[in-house]
Structure formats: C-alpha cells, structure tokens
Amino acid sequence: MGASASKAAQNSARKFPTRPPGSAPPSSATRSAAPRAPNSRSSPQASYTKDDAIRADSTDPSRPEAMSAAFADRLREMGVAQPNPIFSHSPRAPTPPSASPAGSKFPNAPRNNTLVVLDSRRRLQAQADEELNNMGKPDSKGREFLDMSTIQKIISLRQKGEEAAAIEARLSLKPGVVARLGPPGILAPA
C-alpha cells in the first residue's frame, strides 16, 4: 500500500452530519440503549475455598508440573556451578598482596591536596579573626583582608589618580595591600 492507497482517501468527499443540532437521535438508537433492570444483572459470589479453577489459574501454562519436577531433578544432579577463574574487581574477590601497599590507602599529609587546602583555610581564618579583633586598636598595623566595598573604594580612588600609599593610609590598610591588587587599570568597576 503505497501512495495510491492514500489518494483515494484524499479524493473522497467528507460527510457531515445530516440532522440539525439539538434534534433527537433516530428512534432505533434510543431503543437499543434502553436501561436494563437491576434484577437482570447477576453479581458474582465470593468464594472462600480454592477450587480447581483457582489452582489452574495460578499455575504457569507453559510449564506443566511433570516437566518442572524433571527439570528440578536435572538441576540437582548437575550440582553447584563453578565460576570461570577470571580476574574480578568485585568487593568479594581477594586482592593480591602486591596490589595493596603497606600502610594507609590515603596519601601522606604533605601530598594530600585536600588536607593542604583545609589547613590553609584554617590558617587564613585564624589570621582574619585576629585582624578583626585588633581593628581599631592603636597598635594595629592595618587591614589585610578586604571586603567588596573596600575593594570598590580602592578602585575608584585609583581611577581618580590617588597614590597607593595615600589610599592605604585613608582606608587603614597594611602597606602593600593596594599593590597586590595589580597595577592601575587592571581592575575597573563594570
């Protein structure tokens, strides 16, 4: 059935309903749809015992009982299957002694990047806490850790042409903090 089969459907005229909307359907349709009396309907009765029909319904039709018993006997005769001796990465497979080095599975502390990052974070947090505690004291050397508003002030003062030492004195910063932001013009507010 190729394109010629669909051409017949395209060329046939579309049929529209012949009765006007809102009018009653033909009388033959109403007779066939007459409601049945409630007494004519039979309701199934529940059974609390297993009969042969229920047992037959619960069995697998593709396996008769005699065939499954013979199959079970053959499986018992074969015994337990022996797996092929292949290398397996499963957790139950024992690892060869040469594969696991003596000692910890984790790298030592100086070579473990996660521990180095955590140690650096802890050290920087201690420095920031100390700076916060010393802020406003007369022996304070100035701030080294900056927030975004301070960085924006530094950038705007640089754009106005103010020197780094004057910015550091004005904002109570340690000497060299402004220089660490890079040369003027590198950072510019968007």
Foldseek 3Di string as FASTA:
>chain_A
DPPVVVVVVVPDDDDDDDDDPPDDDDPVVVVVPDDDDPVVDDDDDDDPDDDPVNVVVPDDPVDDPVRVVVVVVVDVVVDDDDDDPDDDPDPPDDDDPVVDDPDDPDDDQVPHPVNVVVVVVVVVVVVVVVLVVCPPPPPRQFDQDDDPVLVQVLLVCVVVPDDPVVSCVVRRHHPPNSCVVDDRPPDDDD
